[in-house]
Amino acid sequence: MLKRCISCGRNTKDFAEFPCPDCAEKVVRCHYCRENRNKYSCACGFAGP
């Protein structure tokens, strides 16, 4: 199953999926972006490392 990373936009099989701390919408981040602490922003406006 492929999912699109919210940080870089790549489709990946190696990802983490978790709820946004503000709105609980699912956030998907690839292994690379998580390791490098690339920023992401949810549709609700929450931004994280």
N, C-alpha and C. Protein backbone atom coordinates (compact mmCIF):
# COMPACT_ATOMS: atom_id res chain seq x y z
N MET A 1 0.84 -1.17 0.00
CA MET A 1 0.00 0.00 0.00
C MET A 1 0.90 1.25 0.00
N LEU A 2 0.67 2.13 -0.94
CA LEU A 2 1.41 3.38 -1.04
C LEU A 2 0.60 4.51 -0.43
N LYS A 3 1.30 5.40 0.25
CA LYS A 3 0.67 6.60 0.79
C LYS A 3 1.55 7.79 0.41
N ARG A 4 0.94 8.96 0.29
CA ARG A 4 1.66 10.17 -0.09
C ARG A 4 2.11 10.93 1.16
N CYS A 5 3.39 11.25 1.22
CA CYS A 5 3.97 12.00 2.34
C CYS A 5 3.49 13.44 2.29
N ILE A 6 3.04 13.96 3.44
CA ILE A 6 2.54 15.32 3.51
C ILE A 6 3.68 16.35 3.40
N SER A 7 4.92 15.93 3.72
CA SER A 7 6.06 16.85 3.68
C SER A 7 6.66 17.00 2.28
N CYS A 8 6.97 15.86 1.63
CA CYS A 8 7.67 15.92 0.35
C CYS A 8 6.79 15.55 -0.84
N GLY A 9 5.65 14.93 -0.59
CA GLY A 9 4.73 14.58 -1.67
C GLY A 9 5.03 13.27 -2.38
N ARG A 10 6.07 12.55 -1.94
CA ARG A 10 6.41 11.27 -2.56
C ARG A 10 5.46 10.17 -2.12
N ASN A 11 5.19 9.23 -3.01
CA ASN A 11 4.46 8.03 -2.65
C ASN A 11 5.46 7.05 -2.07
N THR A 12 5.11 6.44 -0.94
CA THR A 12 6.05 5.54 -0.28
C THR A 12 5.32 4.42 0.44
N LYS A 13 6.05 3.32 0.61
CA LYS A 13 5.55 2.20 1.41
C LYS A 13 6.06 2.30 2.84
N ASP A 14 7.13 3.05 3.03
CA ASP A 14 7.77 3.20 4.34
C ASP A 14 7.33 4.53 4.95
N PHE A 15 6.25 4.49 5.72
CA PHE A 15 5.68 5.73 6.25
C PHE A 15 5.18 5.55 7.67
N ALA A 16 4.90 6.66 8.31
CA ALA A 16 4.23 6.67 9.61
C ALA A 16 2.95 7.48 9.43
N GLU A 17 1.89 7.00 10.05
CA GLU A 17 0.59 7.67 9.96
C GLU A 17 0.11 7.94 11.38
N PHE A 18 -0.26 9.18 11.65
CA PHE A 18 -0.68 9.55 12.99
C PHE A 18 -1.69 10.69 12.91
N PRO A 19 -2.49 10.90 13.95
CA PRO A 19 -3.48 11.98 13.92
C PRO A 19 -2.84 13.34 14.19
N CYS A 20 -3.34 14.35 13.54
CA CYS A 20 -2.89 15.73 13.79
C CYS A 20 -3.24 16.07 15.24
N PRO A 21 -2.34 16.70 15.98
CA PRO A 21 -2.61 17.06 17.37
C PRO A 21 -3.78 18.04 17.54
N ASP A 22 -4.06 18.83 16.52
CA ASP A 22 -5.13 19.82 16.63
C ASP A 22 -6.49 19.30 16.16
N CYS A 23 -6.54 18.66 14.99
CA CYS A 23 -7.84 18.31 14.41
C CYS A 23 -8.07 16.80 14.27
N ALA A 24 -7.07 16.00 14.56
CA ALA A 24 -7.14 14.54 14.49
C ALA A 24 -7.22 13.99 13.06
N GLU A 25 -7.03 14.82 12.04
CA GLU A 25 -6.95 14.32 10.66
C GLU A 25 -5.67 13.51 10.53
N LYS A 26 -5.70 12.44 9.72
CA LYS A 26 -4.52 11.59 9.56
C LYS A 26 -3.41 12.31 8.82
N VAL A 27 -2.21 12.20 9.35
CA VAL A 27 -1.02 12.78 8.75
C VAL A 27 -0.11 11.63 8.36
N VAL A 28 0.40 11.65 7.14
CA VAL A 28 1.29 10.60 6.63
C VAL A 28 2.64 11.24 6.32
N ARG A 29 3.69 10.64 6.88
CA ARG A 29 5.04 11.13 6.62
C ARG A 29 5.95 9.97 6.28
N CYS A 30 6.80 10.16 5.27
CA CYS A 30 7.73 9.10 4.87
C CYS A 30 8.90 9.02 5.86
N HIS A 31 9.59 7.89 5.79
CA HIS A 31 10.73 7.63 6.67
C HIS A 31 11.79 8.73 6.54
N TYR A 32 12.08 9.14 5.32
CA TYR A 32 13.11 10.15 5.07
C TYR A 32 12.76 11.48 5.76
N CYS A 33 11.53 11.95 5.59
CA CYS A 33 11.12 13.24 6.17
C CYS A 33 11.08 13.18 7.69
N ARG A 34 10.69 12.04 8.25
CA ARG A 34 10.68 11.89 9.70
C ARG A 34 12.11 11.90 10.25
N GLU A 35 13.02 11.18 9.60
CA GLU A 35 14.41 11.15 10.06
C GLU A 35 15.06 12.52 10.01
N ASN A 36 14.75 13.28 8.96
CA ASN A 36 15.37 14.59 8.77
C ASN A 36 14.56 15.73 9.37
N ARG A 37 13.48 15.39 10.05
CA ARG A 37 12.63 16.37 10.74
C ARG A 37 12.15 17.48 9.80
N ASN A 38 11.78 17.07 8.58
CA ASN A 38 11.23 18.04 7.62
C ASN A 38 9.89 18.53 8.13
N LYS A 39 9.62 19.79 7.94
CA LYS A 39 8.38 20.38 8.43
C LYS A 39 7.19 19.90 7.61
N TYR A 40 6.04 19.90 8.26
CA TYR A 40 4.79 19.57 7.59
C TYR A 40 3.71 20.48 8.12
N SER A 41 2.65 20.64 7.36
CA SER A 41 1.51 21.41 7.86
C SER A 41 0.23 20.71 7.45
N CYS A 42 -0.66 20.62 8.42
CA CYS A 42 -1.95 19.98 8.22
C CYS A 42 -2.91 20.97 7.56
N ALA A 43 -3.99 20.47 7.03
CA ALA A 43 -5.01 21.34 6.41
C ALA A 43 -5.60 22.32 7.40
N CYS A 44 -5.59 21.98 8.70
CA CYS A 44 -6.16 22.86 9.73
C CYS A 44 -5.22 24.01 10.06
N GLY A 45 -3.95 23.94 9.59
CA GLY A 45 -2.99 25.00 9.86
C GLY A 45 -1.91 24.61 10.85
N PHE A 46 -2.06 23.48 11.53
CA PHE A 46 -1.04 23.02 12.47
C PHE A 46 0.24 22.68 11.70
N ALA A 47 1.38 23.14 12.19
CA ALA A 47 2.67 22.84 11.56
C ALA A 47 3.56 22.15 12.57
N GLY A 48 4.29 21.16 12.11
CA GLY A 48 5.17 20.42 13.01
C GLY A 48 6.50 20.09 12.35
N PRO A 49 7.43 19.64 13.17
CA PRO A 49 8.76 19.28 12.65
C PRO A 49 8.79 17.92 12.00
